[in-house]
């Protein structure tokens, strides 16, 4: 009985390690950084891109937030460019 319990715990640990590796996938992190799932449809990605870039656009921010908005805009744009490359 103890052997079976030890074997079951070993399997659980192994499966949890595999799940953690899947969740930490670089592509998934990229999608999550812009608030999307990796299975998002192309139309949803395009709409999210427009909305997020419009929200972070430096010209729509007050002067004291332009520098931070520029950095956010560039990061979001780079993420969407990478997503576009992955989908080709």
PDB file of N, CA and C in Angstrom:
ATOM      1  N   UNK A   1       0.816  -1.191   0.000  1.00  0.00           N
ATOM      2  CA  UNK A   1       0.000   0.000   0.000  1.00  0.00           C
ATOM      3  C   UNK A   1       0.862   1.259   0.000  1.00  0.00           C
ATOM      4  N   UNK A   2       1.915   1.286   0.810  1.00  0.00           N
ATOM      5  CA  UNK A   2       2.793   2.456   0.849  1.00  0.00           C
ATOM      6  C   UNK A   2       3.506   2.651  -0.484  1.00  0.00           C
ATOM      7  N   UNK A   3       3.854   1.523  -1.117  1.00  0.00           N
ATOM      8  CA  UNK A   3       4.516   1.603  -2.420  1.00  0.00           C
ATOM      9  C   UNK A   3       3.584   2.254  -3.445  1.00  0.00           C
ATOM     10  N   UNK A   4       2.302   1.882  -3.424  1.00  0.00           N
ATOM     11  CA  UNK A   4       1.333   2.456  -4.351  1.00  0.00           C
ATOM     12  C   UNK A   4       1.160   3.953  -4.109  1.00  0.00           C
ATOM     13  N   UNK A   5       1.131   4.342  -2.853  1.00  0.00           N
ATOM     14  CA  UNK A   5       0.994   5.748  -2.504  1.00  0.00           C
ATOM     15  C   UNK A   5       2.206   6.551  -2.968  1.00  0.00           C
ATOM     16  N   UNK A   6       3.389   5.990  -2.776  1.00  0.00           N
ATOM     17  CA  UNK A   6       4.612   6.663  -3.221  1.00  0.00           C
ATOM     18  C   UNK A   6       4.631   6.784  -4.741  1.00  0.00           C
ATOM     19  N   UNK A   7       4.195   5.757  -5.431  1.00  0.00           N
ATOM     20  CA  UNK A   7       4.144   5.787  -6.891  1.00  0.00           C
ATOM     21  C   UNK A   7       3.141   6.840  -7.365  1.00  0.00           C
ATOM     22  N   UNK A   8       1.993   6.903  -6.721  1.00  0.00           N
ATOM     23  CA  UNK A   8       0.976   7.892  -7.095  1.00  0.00           C
ATOM     24  C   UNK A   8       1.498   9.309  -6.873  1.00  0.00           C
ATOM     25  N   UNK A   9       2.187   9.543  -5.766  1.00  0.00           N
ATOM     26  CA  UNK A   9       2.738  10.868  -5.494  1.00  0.00           C
ATOM     27  C   UNK A   9       3.803  11.236  -6.527  1.00  0.00           C
ATOM     28  N   UNK A  10       4.605  10.277  -6.934  1.00  0.00           N
ATOM     29  CA  UNK A  10       5.631  10.529  -7.946  1.00  0.00           C
ATOM     30  C   UNK A  10       4.978  10.923  -9.271  1.00  0.00           C
ATOM     31  N   UNK A  11       3.901  10.214  -9.640  1.00  0.00           N
ATOM     32  CA  UNK A  11       3.193  10.550 -10.871  1.00  0.00           C
ATOM     33  C   UNK A  11       2.573  11.943 -10.788  1.00  0.00           C
ATOM     34  N   UNK A  12       2.000  12.275  -9.662  1.00  0.00           N
ATOM     35  CA  UNK A  12       1.394  13.597  -9.483  1.00  0.00           C
ATOM     36  C   UNK A  12       2.452  14.688  -9.608  1.00  0.00           C
ATOM     37  N   UNK A  13       3.598  14.488  -8.983  1.00  0.00           N
ATOM     38  CA  UNK A  13       4.685  15.466  -9.077  1.00  0.00           C
ATOM     39  C   UNK A  13       5.154  15.637 -10.512  1.00  0.00           C
ATOM     40  N   UNK A  14       5.256  14.525 -11.219  1.00  0.00           N
ATOM     41  CA  UNK A  14       5.698  14.572 -12.609  1.00  0.00           C
ATOM     42  C   UNK A  14       4.679  15.323 -13.477  1.00  0.00           C
ATOM     43  N   UNK A  15       3.402  15.048 -13.279  1.00  0.00           N
ATOM     44  CA  UNK A  15       2.366  15.731 -14.056  1.00  0.00           C
ATOM     45  C   UNK A  15       2.293  17.217 -13.727  1.00  0.00           C
ATOM     46  N   UNK A  16       2.474  17.575 -12.466  1.00  0.00           N
ATOM     47  CA  UNK A  16       2.479  18.987 -12.102  1.00  0.00           C
ATOM     48  C   UNK A  16       3.664  19.708 -12.735  1.00  0.00           C
ATOM     49  N   UNK A  17       4.792  19.040 -12.831  1.00  0.00           N
ATOM     50  CA  UNK A  17       5.951  19.625 -13.504  1.00  0.00           C
ATOM     51  C   UNK A  17       5.688  19.863 -14.978  1.00  0.00           C
ATOM     52  N   UNK A  18       5.027  18.902 -15.610  1.00  0.00           N
ATOM     53  CA  UNK A  18       4.691  19.061 -17.028  1.00  0.00           C
ATOM     54  C   UNK A  18       3.710  20.204 -17.240  1.00  0.00           C
ATOM     55  N   UNK A  19       2.696  20.304 -16.372  1.00  0.00           N
ATOM     56  CA  UNK A  19       1.730  21.395 -16.483  1.00  0.00           C
ATOM     57  C   UNK A  19       2.395  22.751 -16.295  1.00  0.00           C
ATOM     58  N   UNK A  20       3.311  22.835 -15.357  1.00  0.00           N
ATOM     59  CA  UNK A  20       4.020  24.093 -15.125  1.00  0.00           C
ATOM     60  C   UNK A  20       4.838  24.472 -16.353  1.00  0.00           C
ATOM     61  N   UNK A  21       5.449  23.489 -16.993  1.00  0.00           N
ATOM     62  CA  UNK A  21       6.242  23.767 -18.189  1.00  0.00           C
ATOM     63  C   UNK A  21       5.352  24.264 -19.325  1.00  0.00           C
ATOM     64  N   UNK A  22       4.173  23.691 -19.448  1.00  0.00           N
ATOM     65  CA  UNK A  22       3.247  24.118 -20.495  1.00  0.00           C
ATOM     66  C   UNK A  22       2.759  25.532 -20.225  1.00  0.00           C
ATOM     67  N   UNK A  23       2.412  25.823 -18.978  1.00  0.00           N
ATOM     68  CA  UNK A  23       1.902  27.148 -18.639  1.00  0.00           C
ATOM     69  C   UNK A  23       2.961  28.222 -18.775  1.00  0.00           C
ATOM     70  N   UNK A  24       4.216  27.863 -18.647  1.00  0.00           N
ATOM     71  CA  UNK A  24       5.298  28.835 -18.747  1.00  0.00           C
ATOM     72  C   UNK A  24       5.839  28.951 -20.164  1.00  0.00           C
ATOM     73  N   UNK A  25       5.120  28.430 -21.120  1.00  0.00           N
ATOM     74  CA  UNK A  25       5.539  28.501 -22.507  1.00  0.00           C
ATOM     75  C   UNK A  25       5.678  29.967 -22.915  1.00  0.00           C
ATOM     76  N   UNK A  26       6.733  30.284 -23.618  1.00  0.00           N
ATOM     77  CA  UNK A  26       7.022  31.674 -23.997  1.00  0.00           C
ATOM     78  C   UNK A  26       5.914  32.274 -24.862  1.00  0.00           C
ATOM     79  N   UNK A  27       5.357  31.479 -25.756  1.00  0.00           N
ATOM     80  CA  UNK A  27       4.288  31.982 -26.612  1.00  0.00           C
ATOM     81  C   UNK A  27       3.052  32.325 -25.796  1.00  0.00           C
ATOM     82  N   UNK A  28       2.720  31.480 -24.819  1.00  0.00           N
ATOM     83  CA  UNK A  28       1.570  31.773 -23.964  1.00  0.00           C
ATOM     84  C   UNK A  28       1.780  33.052 -23.172  1.00  0.00           C
ATOM     85  N   UNK A  29       2.987  33.266 -22.703  1.00  0.00           N
ATOM     86  CA  UNK A  29       3.290  34.498 -21.971  1.00  0.00           C
ATOM     87  C   UNK A  29       3.102  35.714 -22.865  1.00  0.00           C
ATOM     88  N   UNK A  30       3.489  35.571 -24.124  1.00  0.00           N
ATOM     89  CA  UNK A  30       3.347  36.671 -25.079  1.00  0.00           C
ATOM     90  C   UNK A  30       1.875  37.035 -25.257  1.00  0.00           C
ATOM     91  N   UNK A  31       1.039  36.027 -25.455  1.00  0.00           N
ATOM     92  CA  UNK A  31      -0.390  36.274 -25.618  1.00  0.00           C
ATOM     93  C   UNK A  31      -0.985  36.871 -24.343  1.00  0.00           C
ATOM     94  N   UNK A  32      -0.602  36.330 -23.183  1.00  0.00           N
ATOM     95  CA  UNK A  32      -1.136  36.841 -21.923  1.00  0.00           C
ATOM     96  C   UNK A  32      -0.689  38.266 -21.659  1.00  0.00           C
ATOM     97  N   UNK A  33       0.465  38.659 -22.170  1.00  0.00           N
ATOM     98  CA  UNK A  33       0.950  40.031 -21.934  1.00  0.00           C
ATOM     99  C   UNK A  33       0.050  41.075 -22.576  1.00  0.00           C
ATOM    100  N   UNK A  34      -0.688  40.682 -23.598  1.00  0.00           N
ATOM    101  CA  UNK A  34      -1.619  41.613 -24.240  1.00  0.00           C
ATOM    102  C   UNK A  34      -3.072  41.244 -23.940  1.00  0.00           C
ATOM    103  N   UNK A  35      -3.277  40.339 -22.988  1.00  0.00           N
ATOM    104  CA  UNK A  35      -4.620  40.006 -22.543  1.00  0.00           C
ATOM    105  C   UNK A  35      -5.385  39.055 -23.428  1.00  0.00           C
ATOM    106  N   UNK A  36      -4.685  38.208 -24.177  1.00  0.00           N
ATOM    107  CA  UNK A  36      -5.341  37.264 -25.073  1.00  0.00           C
ATOM    108  C   UNK A  36      -4.966  35.829 -24.721  1.00  0.00           C
ATOM    109  N   UNK A  37      -5.757  34.900 -25.222  1.00  0.00           N
ATOM    110  CA  UNK A  37      -5.427  33.485 -25.123  1.00  0.00           C
ATOM    111  C   UNK A  37      -4.720  33.075 -26.412  1.00  0.00           C
ATOM    112  N   UNK A  38      -3.894  32.068 -26.326  1.00  0.00           N
ATOM    113  CA  UNK A  38      -3.152  31.617 -27.502  1.00  0.00           C
ATOM    114  C   UNK A  38      -4.078  31.076 -28.586  1.00  0.00           C
ATOM    115  N   UNK A  39      -5.292  30.732 -28.224  1.00  0.00           N
ATOM    116  CA  UNK A  39      -6.253  30.192 -29.188  1.00  0.00           C
ATOM    117  C   UNK A  39      -7.165  31.266 -29.771  1.00  0.00           C
ATOM    118  N   UNK A  40      -6.863  32.538 -29.507  1.00  0.00           N
ATOM    119  CA  UNK A  40      -7.708  33.631 -29.978  1.00  0.00           C
ATOM    120  C   UNK A  40      -7.763  33.660 -31.509  1.00  0.00           C
ATOM    121  N   UNK A  41      -8.927  33.998 -32.015  1.00  0.00           N
ATOM    122  CA  UNK A  41      -9.134  34.090 -33.462  1.00  0.00           C
ATOM    123  C   UNK A  41      -8.435  35.332 -34.000  1.00  0.00           C
ATOM    124  N   UNK A  42      -8.085  35.314 -35.255  1.00  0.00           N
ATOM    125  CA  UNK A  42      -7.370  36.412 -35.895  1.00  0.00           C
ATOM    126  C   UNK A  42      -8.143  37.722 -35.803  1.00  0.00           C
ATOM    127  N   UNK A  43      -9.449  37.664 -35.933  1.00  0.00           N
ATOM    128  CA  UNK A  43     -10.275  38.867 -35.852  1.00  0.00           C
ATOM    129  C   UNK A  43     -10.200  39.464 -34.448  1.00  0.00           C
ATOM    130  N   UNK A  44     -10.204  38.605 -33.437  1.00  0.00           N
ATOM    131  CA  UNK A  44     -10.118  39.070 -32.052  1.00  0.00           C
ATOM    132  C   UNK A  44      -8.759  39.715 -31.800  1.00  0.00           C
ATOM    133  N   UNK A  45      -7.717  39.124 -32.346  1.00  0.00           N
ATOM    134  CA  UNK A  45      -6.370  39.677 -32.178  1.00  0.00           C
ATOM    135  C   UNK A  45      -6.276  41.050 -32.830  1.00  0.00           C
ATOM    136  N   UNK A  46      -6.842  41.198 -34.019  1.00  0.00           N
ATOM    137  CA  UNK A  46      -6.810  42.490 -34.713  1.00  0.00           C
ATOM    138  C   UNK A  46      -7.567  43.553 -33.922  1.00  0.00           C
ATOM    139  N   UNK A  47      -8.717  43.192 -33.382  1.00  0.00           N
ATOM    140  CA  UNK A  47      -9.502  44.155 -32.601  1.00  0.00           C
ATOM    141  C   UNK A  47      -8.779  44.525 -31.310  1.00  0.00           C
ATOM    142  N   UNK A  48      -8.177  43.543 -30.666  1.00  0.00           N
ATOM    143  CA  UNK A  48      -7.435  43.807 -29.430  1.00  0.00           C
ATOM    144  C   UNK A  48      -6.229  44.695 -29.717  1.00  0.00           C
ATOM    145  N   UNK A  49      -5.591  44.473 -30.844  1.00  0.00           N
ATOM    146  CA  UNK A  49      -4.438  45.294 -31.211  1.00  0.00           C
ATOM    147  C   UNK A  49      -4.841  46.754 -31.376  1.00  0.00           C
ATOM    148  N   UNK A  50      -5.904  46.979 -32.141  1.00  0.00           N
ATOM    149  CA  UNK A  50      -6.373  48.349 -32.347  1.00  0.00           C
ATOM    150  C   UNK A  50      -6.740  49.010 -31.029  1.00  0.00           C
ATOM    151  N   UNK A  51      -7.487  48.299 -30.198  1.00  0.00           N
ATOM    152  CA  UNK A  51      -7.945  48.880 -28.933  1.00  0.00           C
ATOM    153  C   UNK A  51      -6.781  49.164 -27.991  1.00  0.00           C
ATOM    154  N   UNK A  52      -5.865  48.225 -27.858  1.00  0.00           N
ATOM    155  CA  UNK A  52      -4.752  48.406 -26.924  1.00  0.00           C
ATOM    156  C   UNK A  52      -3.792  49.492 -27.396  1.00  0.00           C
ATOM    157  N   UNK A  53      -3.489  49.509 -28.674  1.00  0.00           N
ATOM    158  CA  UNK A  53      -2.583  50.535 -29.188  1.00  0.00           C
ATOM    159  C   UNK A  53      -3.228  51.917 -29.136  1.00  0.00           C
ATOM    160  N   UNK A  54      -4.523  51.992 -29.360  1.00  0.00           N
ATOM    161  CA  UNK A  54      -5.211  53.272 -29.251  1.00  0.00           C
ATOM    162  C   UNK A  54      -5.194  53.753 -27.798  1.00  0.00           C
ATOM    163  N   UNK A  55      -5.390  52.833 -26.875  1.00  0.00           N
ATOM    164  CA  UNK A  55      -5.392  53.188 -25.454  1.00  0.00           C
ATOM    165  C   UNK A  55      -4.028  53.714 -25.001  1.00  0.00           C
ATOM    166  N   UNK A  56      -2.947  53.115 -25.495  1.00  0.00           N
ATOM    167  CA  UNK A  56      -1.597  53.497 -25.069  1.00  0.00           C
ATOM    168  C   UNK A  56      -0.930  54.516 -25.985  1.00  0.00           C
ATOM    169  N   UNK A  57      -1.631  55.003 -26.984  1.00  0.00           N
ATOM    170  CA  UNK A  57      -1.012  55.919 -27.944  1.00  0.00           C
ATOM    171  C   UNK A  57      -0.558  57.195 -27.234  1.00  0.00           C
ATOM    172  N   UNK A  58       0.695  57.612 -27.443  1.00  0.00           N
ATOM    173  CA  UNK A  58       1.239  58.789 -26.745  1.00  0.00           C
ATOM    174  C   UNK A  58       0.491  60.090 -27.039  1.00  0.00           C
ATOM    175  N   UNK A  59      -0.048  60.221 -28.234  1.00  0.00           N
ATOM    176  CA  UNK A  59      -0.745  61.454 -28.587  1.00  0.00           C
ATOM    177  C   UNK A  59      -2.069  61.612 -27.838  1.00  0.00           C
ATOM    178  N   UNK A  60      -2.572  60.549 -27.258  1.00  0.00           N
ATOM    179  CA  UNK A  60      -3.835  60.602 -26.521  1.00  0.00           C
ATOM    180  C   UNK A  60      -3.622  60.788 -25.021  1.00  0.00           C
ATOM    181  N   UNK A  61      -2.387  60.968 -24.605  1.00  0.00           N
ATOM    182  CA  UNK A  61      -2.053  61.075 -23.183  1.00  0.00           C
ATOM    183  C   UNK A  61      -1.677  62.511 -22.831  1.00  0.00           C
ATOM    184  N   UNK A  62      -1.827  62.879 -21.560  1.00  0.00           N
ATOM    185  CA  UNK A  62      -1.363  64.206 -21.131  1.00  0.00           C
ATOM    186  C   UNK A  62       0.164  64.274 -21.222  1.00  0.00           C
ATOM    187  N   UNK A  63       0.709  65.463 -21.312  1.00  0.00           N
ATOM    188  CA  UNK A  63       2.165  65.615 -21.498  1.00  0.00           C
ATOM    189  C   UNK A  63       3.015  64.885 -20.456  1.00  0.00           C
ATOM    190  N   UNK A  64       2.557  64.841 -19.213  1.00  0.00           N
ATOM    191  CA  UNK A  64       3.372  64.202 -18.180  1.00  0.00           C
ATOM    192  C   UNK A  64       3.383  62.665 -18.296  1.00  0.00           C
ATOM    193  N   UNK A  65       2.480  62.096 -19.069  1.00  0.00           N
ATOM    194  CA  UNK A  65       2.437  60.641 -19.242  1.00  0.00           C
ATOM    195  C   UNK A  65       2.912  60.177 -20.611  1.00  0.00           C
ATOM    196  N   UNK A  66       3.374  61.087 -21.452  1.00  0.00           N
ATOM    197  CA  UNK A  66       3.770  60.715 -22.810  1.00  0.00           C
ATOM    198  C   UNK A  66       4.921  59.714 -22.831  1.00  0.00           C
ATOM    199  N   UNK A  67       5.906  59.892 -21.970  1.00  0.00           N
ATOM    200  CA  UNK A  67       7.060  58.981 -21.961  1.00  0.00           C
ATOM    201  C   UNK A  67       6.635  57.569 -21.568  1.00  0.00           C
ATOM    202  N   UNK A  68       5.820  57.457 -20.531  1.00  0.00           N
ATOM    203  CA  UNK A  68       5.345  56.135 -20.094  1.00  0.00           C
ATOM    204  C   UNK A  68       4.437  55.513 -21.148  1.00  0.00           C
ATOM    205  N   UNK A  69       3.594  56.330 -21.764  1.00  0.00           N
ATOM    206  CA  UNK A  69       2.695  55.837 -22.805  1.00  0.00           C
ATOM    207  C   UNK A  69       3.478  55.371 -24.026  1.00  0.00           C
ATOM    208  N   UNK A  70       4.540  56.070 -24.361  1.00  0.00           N
ATOM    209  CA  UNK A  70       5.373  55.664 -25.493  1.00  0.00           C
ATOM    210  C   UNK A  70       5.988  54.294 -25.237  1.00  0.00           C
ATOM    211  N   UNK A  71       6.484  54.082 -24.035  1.00  0.00           N
ATOM    212  CA  UNK A  71       7.079  52.783 -23.696  1.00  0.00           C
ATOM    213  C   UNK A  71       6.027  51.677 -23.746  1.00  0.00           C
ATOM    214  N   UNK A  72       4.846  51.930 -23.207  1.00  0.00           N
ATOM    215  CA  UNK A  72       3.758  50.943 -23.229  1.00  0.00           C
ATOM    216  C   UNK A  72       3.322  50.661 -24.670  1.00  0.00           C
ATOM    217  N   UNK A  73       3.217  51.706 -25.458  1.00  0.00           N
ATOM    218  CA  UNK A  73       2.811  51.562 -26.848  1.00  0.00           C
ATOM    219  C   UNK A  73       3.809  50.701 -27.624  1.00  0.00           C
ATOM    220  N   UNK A  74       5.091  50.976 -27.439  1.00  0.00           N
ATOM    221  CA  UNK A  74       6.122  50.226 -28.149  1.00  0.00           C
ATOM    222  C   UNK A  74       6.151  48.766 -27.706  1.00  0.00           C
ATOM    223  N   UNK A  75       5.968  48.511 -26.416  1.00  0.00           N
ATOM    224  CA  UNK A  75       5.957  47.133 -25.914  1.00  0.00           C
ATOM    225  C   UNK A  75       4.761  46.358 -26.469  1.00  0.00           C
ATOM    226  N   UNK A  76       3.594  46.984 -26.464  1.00  0.00           N
ATOM    227  CA  UNK A  76       2.398  46.331 -27.000  1.00  0.00           C
ATOM    228  C   UNK A  76       2.534  46.091 -28.498  1.00  0.00           C
ATOM    229  N   UNK A  77       3.062  47.059 -29.207  1.00  0.00           N
ATOM    230  CA  UNK A  77       3.242  46.909 -30.650  1.00  0.00           C
ATOM    231  C   UNK A  77       4.220  45.778 -30.960  1.00  0.00           C
ATOM    232  N   UNK A  78       5.308  45.695 -30.204  1.00  0.00           N
ATOM    233  CA  UNK A  78       6.283  44.619 -30.406  1.00  0.00           C
ATOM    234  C   UNK A  78       5.654  43.261 -30.122  1.00  0.00           C
ATOM    235  N   UNK A  79       4.824  43.177 -29.091  1.00  0.00           N
ATOM    236  CA  UNK A  79       4.157  41.913 -28.763  1.00  0.00           C
ATOM    237  C   UNK A  79       3.225  41.484 -29.892  1.00  0.00           C
ATOM    238  N   UNK A  80       2.463  42.424 -30.425  1.00  0.00           N
ATOM    239  CA  UNK A  80       1.558  42.082 -31.519  1.00  0.00           C
ATOM    240  C   UNK A  80       2.319  41.728 -32.793  1.00  0.00           C
ATOM    241  N   UNK A  81       3.432  42.367 -33.043  1.00  0.00           N
ATOM    242  CA  UNK A  81       4.259  42.010 -34.202  1.00  0.00           C
ATOM    243  C   UNK A  81       4.765  40.570 -34.066  1.00  0.00           C
ATOM    244  N   UNK A  82       5.197  40.208 -32.864  1.00  0.00           N
ATOM    245  CA  UNK A  82       5.685  38.844 -32.607  1.00  0.00           C
ATOM    246  C   UNK A  82       4.550  37.832 -32.763  1.00  0.00           C
ATOM    247  N   UNK A  83       3.363  38.179 -32.291  1.00  0.00           N
ATOM    248  CA  UNK A  83       2.200  37.291 -32.455  1.00  0.00           C
ATOM    249  C   UNK A  83       1.901  37.099 -33.937  1.00  0.00           C
ATOM    250  N   UNK A  84       1.991  38.177 -34.696  1.00  0.00           N
ATOM    251  CA  UNK A  84       1.764  38.095 -36.133  1.00  0.00           C
ATOM    252  C   UNK A  84       2.775  37.170 -36.803  1.00  0.00           C
ATOM    253  N   UNK A  85       4.030  37.257 -36.385  1.00  0.00           N
ATOM    254  CA  UNK A  85       5.070  36.361 -36.929  1.00  0.00           C
ATOM    255  C   UNK A  85       4.790  34.910 -36.571  1.00  0.00           C
ATOM    256  N   UNK A  86       4.342  34.654 -35.350  1.00  0.00           N
ATOM    257  CA  UNK A  86       4.073  33.290 -34.923  1.00  0.00           C
ATOM    258  C   UNK A  86       2.912  32.682 -35.694  1.00  0.00           C
ATOM    259  N   UNK A  87       1.978  33.493 -36.099  1.00  0.00           N
ATOM    260  CA  UNK A  87       0.791  32.978 -36.791  1.00  0.00           C
ATOM    261  C   UNK A  87       1.015  32.740 -38.277  1.00  0.00           C
ATOM    262  N   UNK A  88       2.147  33.150 -38.819  1.00  0.00           N
ATOM    263  CA  UNK A  88       2.419  32.930 -40.247  1.00  0.00           C
ATOM    264  C   UNK A  88       2.836  31.528 -40.496  1.00  0.00           C
TER     265      UNK A  88
END
